[in-house]
C-alpha atoms as a PDB file:
ATOM      1  CA  MET A   1      -1.460   5.990 -18.334  1.00  0.00           C
ATOM      2  CA  THR A   2      -4.038   6.996 -15.720  1.00  0.00           C
ATOM      3  CA  GLU A   3      -3.183   9.552 -12.879  1.00  0.00           C
ATOM      4  CA  GLU A   4      -3.193   6.622 -10.514  1.00  0.00           C
ATOM      5  CA  GLU A   5      -0.748   4.557 -12.746  1.00  0.00           C
ATOM      6  CA  VAL A   6       1.786   7.312 -12.749  1.00  0.00           C
ATOM      7  CA  SER A   7       1.406   8.412  -9.306  1.00  0.00           C
ATOM      8  CA  CYS A   8       0.934   4.985  -7.360  1.00  0.00           C
ATOM      9  CA  LEU A   9       1.206   1.725  -9.214  1.00  0.00           C
ATOM     10  CA  GLY A  10       4.721   0.278  -9.308  1.00  0.00           C
ATOM     11  CA  LYS A  11       6.061   2.418  -6.832  1.00  0.00           C
ATOM     12  CA  THR A  12       7.227   1.303  -3.609  1.00  0.00           C
ATOM     13  CA  ARG A  13       4.870   2.056  -0.499  1.00  0.00           C
ATOM     14  CA  PHE A  14       5.914   3.072   2.781  1.00  0.00           C
ATOM     15  CA  TYR A  15       3.797   2.813   5.713  1.00  0.00           C
ATOM     16  CA  THR A  16       5.080   6.004   7.373  1.00  0.00           C
ATOM     17  CA  ARG A  17       6.293   9.180   6.085  1.00  0.00           C
ATOM     18  CA  ARG A  18       9.478   8.626   8.357  1.00  0.00           C
ATOM     19  CA  ALA A  19      10.301   5.372   6.547  1.00  0.00           C
ATOM     20  CA  ALA A  20       9.780   7.252   3.187  1.00  0.00           C
ATOM     21  CA  LYS A  21      11.933  10.082   4.231  1.00  0.00           C
ATOM     22  CA  ARG A  22      14.692   7.773   5.552  1.00  0.00           C
ATOM     23  CA  ARG A  23      14.738   5.850   1.965  1.00  0.00           C
ATOM     24  CA  ALA A  24      14.875   9.403   0.046  1.00  0.00           C
ATOM     25  CA  ASN A  25      17.797  10.396   2.179  1.00  0.00           C
ATOM     26  CA  GLU A  26      19.217   6.885   1.621  1.00  0.00           C
ATOM     27  CA  ILE A  27      19.020   7.491  -2.119  1.00  0.00           C
ATOM     28  CA  ARG A  28      20.623  10.813  -2.104  1.00  0.00           C
ATOM     29  CA  ARG A  29      23.507   9.929   0.136  1.00  0.00           C
ATOM     30  CA  ASN A  30      24.241   7.153  -2.645  1.00  0.00           C
ATOM     31  CA  GLY A  31      24.451   9.601  -5.352  1.00  0.00           C
ATOM     32  CA  GLY A  32      20.773   9.602  -6.319  1.00  0.00           C
ATOM     33  CA  ASP A  33      18.488  12.550  -6.987  1.00  0.00           C
ATOM     34  CA  ALA A  34      16.857  14.539  -4.433  1.00  0.00           C
ATOM     35  CA  MET A  35      13.639  12.940  -3.634  1.00  0.00           C
ATOM     36  CA  ARG A  36      10.958  13.663  -1.245  1.00  0.00           C
ATOM     37  CA  PRO A  37       8.139  11.723   0.730  1.00  0.00           C
ATOM     38  CA  TYR A  38       4.378  12.232   0.010  1.00  0.00           C
ATOM     39  CA  ALA A  39       1.241  10.856   0.953  1.00  0.00           C
ATOM     40  CA  CYS A  40      -0.620   9.139  -1.948  1.00  0.00           C
ATOM     41  CA  GLU A  41      -4.229  10.008  -2.468  1.00  0.00           C
ATOM     42  CA  PHE A  42      -5.048   6.596  -4.208  1.00  0.00           C
ATOM     43  CA  CYS A  43      -3.505   4.115  -1.577  1.00  0.00           C
ATOM     44  CA  SER A  44      -3.131   6.206   1.396  1.00  0.00           C
ATOM     45  CA  LEU A  45       0.474   5.253   2.045  1.00  0.00           C
ATOM     46  CA  HIS A  46       3.533   7.135   1.142  1.00  0.00           C
ATOM     47  CA  HIS A  47       5.940   6.930  -1.881  1.00  0.00           C
ATOM     48  CA  ILE A  48       8.970   8.944  -2.472  1.00  0.00           C
ATOM     49  CA  GLY A  49       8.980  11.153  -5.779  1.00  0.00           C
ATOM     50  CA  HIS A  50      11.303  13.861  -7.442  1.00  0.00           C
ATOM     51  CA  ARG A  51      11.219  17.300  -5.744  1.00  0.00           C
ATOM     52  CA  PRO A  52       9.007  19.911  -7.651  1.00  0.00           C
ATOM     53  CA  GLY A  53      10.947  21.148 -10.598  1.00  0.00           C
ATOM     54  CA  HIS A  54      13.169  18.067 -10.692  1.00  0.00           C
ATOM     55  CA  ALA A  55      11.105  15.584 -12.613  1.00  0.00           C
ATOM     56  CA  THR A  56      12.767  13.658 -15.240  1.00  0.00           C
ATOM     57  CA  TYR A  57       9.479  13.458 -17.654  1.00  0.00           C
ATOM     58  CA  MET A  58       6.288  15.468 -18.442  1.00  0.00           C
ATOM     59  CA  ARG A  59       3.211  14.308 -17.154  1.00  0.00           C
ATOM     60  CA  ARG A  60      -0.017  14.550 -19.529  1.00  0.00           C
ATOM     61  CA  GLY A  61       1.505  16.900 -21.951  1.00  0.00           C
ATOM     62  CA  ILE A  62       2.027  19.787 -19.373  1.00  0.00           C
ATOM     63  CA  PRO A  63       5.020  21.261 -20.258  1.00  0.00           C
ATOM     64  CA  PHE A  64       7.969  21.143 -17.591  1.00  0.00           C
ATOM     65  CA  GLN A  65       8.404  24.248 -15.968  1.00  0.00           C
ATOM     66  CA  GLU A  66      11.576  25.101 -13.948  1.00  0.00           C
ATOM     67  CA  THR A  67      10.661  25.897 -10.064  1.00  0.00           C
ATOM     68  CA  PRO A  68      12.130  29.376  -9.186  1.00  0.00           C
ATOM     69  CA  ARG A  69      14.800  29.265  -6.503  1.00  0.00           C
END
């Protein structure tokens, strides 16, 4: 998979950071994972993704590293 496919394609696009944040909070309130909004470098809109250190997969063979708390 390309970086664009992983980062953008197939994800919900939000026109504003506020809308993405609102959806991330809704997911969390309903028992989902902690998510954060981010600006996409490919489509120039916003997506939501796992917070750093909470990803559920490895990207391009880079080992998963726990984020210090």
